[in-house]
């Protein structure tokens, strides 16, 4: 099994109210066209960095100690493809995040 992602789409992430210039449905369609597993969460409680995506390590990477990585402000195609590229490369614990999202990684909310 490969790395997978969870996309926040309920409260403010994924809403036209907070991000009127982002086509949120198109973002999900693009991610689903590239990745085998895309889960949608109602709220991940990281509103200050919306649109947030959590990249989960593969089971083998998690067993080796890799942790989920939170990526905030996924607001353009470059960042969106960066997330998909990272998952394609193996995700946390296997590959370094691409430059398109390296600066968007945020601390895991408590």
Protein backbone atom coordinates (compact mmCIF):
# COMPACT_ATOMS: atom_id res chain seq x y z
CA UNK A 1 0.00 0.00 0.00
CA UNK A 2 1.22 3.50 -0.80
CA UNK A 3 1.01 6.78 1.03
CA UNK A 4 -2.42 8.40 0.98
CA UNK A 5 -3.91 11.80 1.71
CA UNK A 6 -6.76 13.34 3.64
CA UNK A 7 -8.15 16.61 2.32
CA UNK A 8 -10.01 19.01 4.59
CA UNK A 9 -13.17 20.27 2.93
CA UNK A 10 -15.86 21.01 5.51
CA UNK A 11 -15.64 24.10 7.65
CA UNK A 12 -13.50 26.71 5.91
CA UNK A 13 -11.08 24.64 3.85
CA UNK A 14 -12.64 23.94 0.52
CA UNK A 15 -15.15 26.73 0.76
CA UNK A 16 -15.77 29.53 -1.67
CA UNK A 17 -16.32 31.84 1.30
CA UNK A 18 -12.70 31.58 2.45
CA UNK A 19 -11.02 30.88 -0.91
CA UNK A 20 -13.27 32.31 -3.67
CA UNK A 21 -10.60 31.97 -6.38
CA UNK A 22 -10.03 28.23 -5.87
CA UNK A 23 -12.07 25.58 -7.69
CA UNK A 24 -12.28 23.09 -4.84
CA UNK A 25 -14.21 20.46 -6.79
CA UNK A 26 -11.58 20.56 -9.54
CA UNK A 27 -8.85 20.14 -6.92
CA UNK A 28 -10.50 16.98 -5.60
CA UNK A 29 -11.06 15.67 -9.13
CA UNK A 30 -7.40 16.23 -9.99
CA UNK A 31 -6.17 14.51 -6.82
CA UNK A 32 -8.52 11.59 -7.37
CA UNK A 33 -7.34 11.24 -10.96
CA UNK A 34 -3.72 10.96 -9.78
CA UNK A 35 -3.97 9.09 -6.48
CA UNK A 36 -5.54 5.82 -5.44
CA UNK A 37 -6.66 6.97 -1.98
CA UNK A 38 -8.04 10.44 -1.30
CA UNK A 39 -10.11 10.78 1.85
CA UNK A 40 -12.18 13.87 2.56
CA UNK A 41 -12.58 15.13 6.12
CA UNK A 42 -15.18 17.58 7.30
CA UNK A 43 -12.75 19.56 9.47
CA UNK A 44 -9.14 18.90 10.45
CA UNK A 45 -9.09 21.93 12.78
CA UNK A 46 -6.26 23.70 10.98
CA UNK A 47 -8.26 26.65 9.66
CA UNK A 48 -5.33 29.07 9.86
CA UNK A 49 -3.55 27.11 7.08
CA UNK A 50 -6.52 26.10 4.94
CA UNK A 51 -6.70 24.33 2.43
CA UNK A 52 -4.89 21.67 4.40
CA UNK A 53 -3.93 18.21 3.22
CA UNK A 54 -2.48 15.48 5.45
CA UNK A 55 -0.09 13.11 3.72
CA UNK A 56 -0.10 9.76 5.51
CA UNK A 57 2.97 7.53 5.21
CA UNK A 58 2.62 4.08 3.76
CA UNK A 59 2.19 1.30 6.32
CA UNK A 60 5.81 0.19 5.89
CA UNK A 61 7.10 3.77 6.29
CA UNK A 62 4.89 4.24 9.37
CA UNK A 63 6.26 0.99 10.83
CA UNK A 64 9.74 2.44 10.31
CA UNK A 65 8.76 5.59 12.23
CA UNK A 66 7.38 7.98 9.61
CA UNK A 67 4.59 10.29 10.78
CA UNK A 68 1.78 12.03 8.88
CA UNK A 69 2.75 15.39 7.44
CA UNK A 70 0.38 18.35 7.31
CA UNK A 71 0.63 20.61 4.27
CA UNK A 72 -1.25 23.91 4.38
CA UNK A 73 -2.33 26.51 1.86
CA UNK A 74 -2.87 24.11 -1.03
CA UNK A 75 -4.35 26.88 -3.16
CA UNK A 76 -2.84 26.45 -6.62
CA UNK A 77 -2.02 23.75 -9.14
CA UNK A 78 1.70 23.76 -8.33
CA UNK A 79 1.02 22.90 -4.68
CA UNK A 80 -1.67 20.39 -5.63
CA UNK A 81 0.64 18.56 -8.03
CA UNK A 82 3.42 18.76 -5.43
CA UNK A 83 1.29 16.78 -3.00
CA UNK A 84 0.43 14.19 -5.65
CA UNK A 85 4.07 13.98 -6.78
CA UNK A 86 5.17 13.33 -3.21
CA UNK A 87 2.65 10.54 -2.77
CA UNK A 88 3.75 9.07 -6.12
CA UNK A 89 7.36 9.15 -4.88
CA UNK A 90 6.44 7.28 -1.68
CA UNK A 91 5.47 10.06 0.73
CA UNK A 92 6.76 10.68 4.26
CA UNK A 93 9.57 8.42 5.38
CA UNK A 94 10.35 7.38 1.81
CA UNK A 95 10.89 10.55 -0.22
CA UNK A 96 11.58 14.18 0.55
CA UNK A 97 8.71 16.56 -0.16
CA UNK A 98 9.04 18.34 -3.50
CA UNK A 99 10.08 21.99 -3.51
CA UNK A 100 6.55 22.97 -4.54
CA UNK A 101 5.28 22.07 -1.06
CA UNK A 102 8.36 22.02 1.19
CA UNK A 103 7.64 25.54 2.47
CA UNK A 104 3.94 24.72 2.98
CA UNK A 105 4.53 21.99 5.57
CA UNK A 106 3.02 23.03 8.89
CA UNK A 107 3.18 21.73 12.44
CA UNK A 108 0.66 19.09 13.35
CA UNK A 109 -2.18 20.77 15.27
CA UNK A 110 -2.50 19.72 18.89
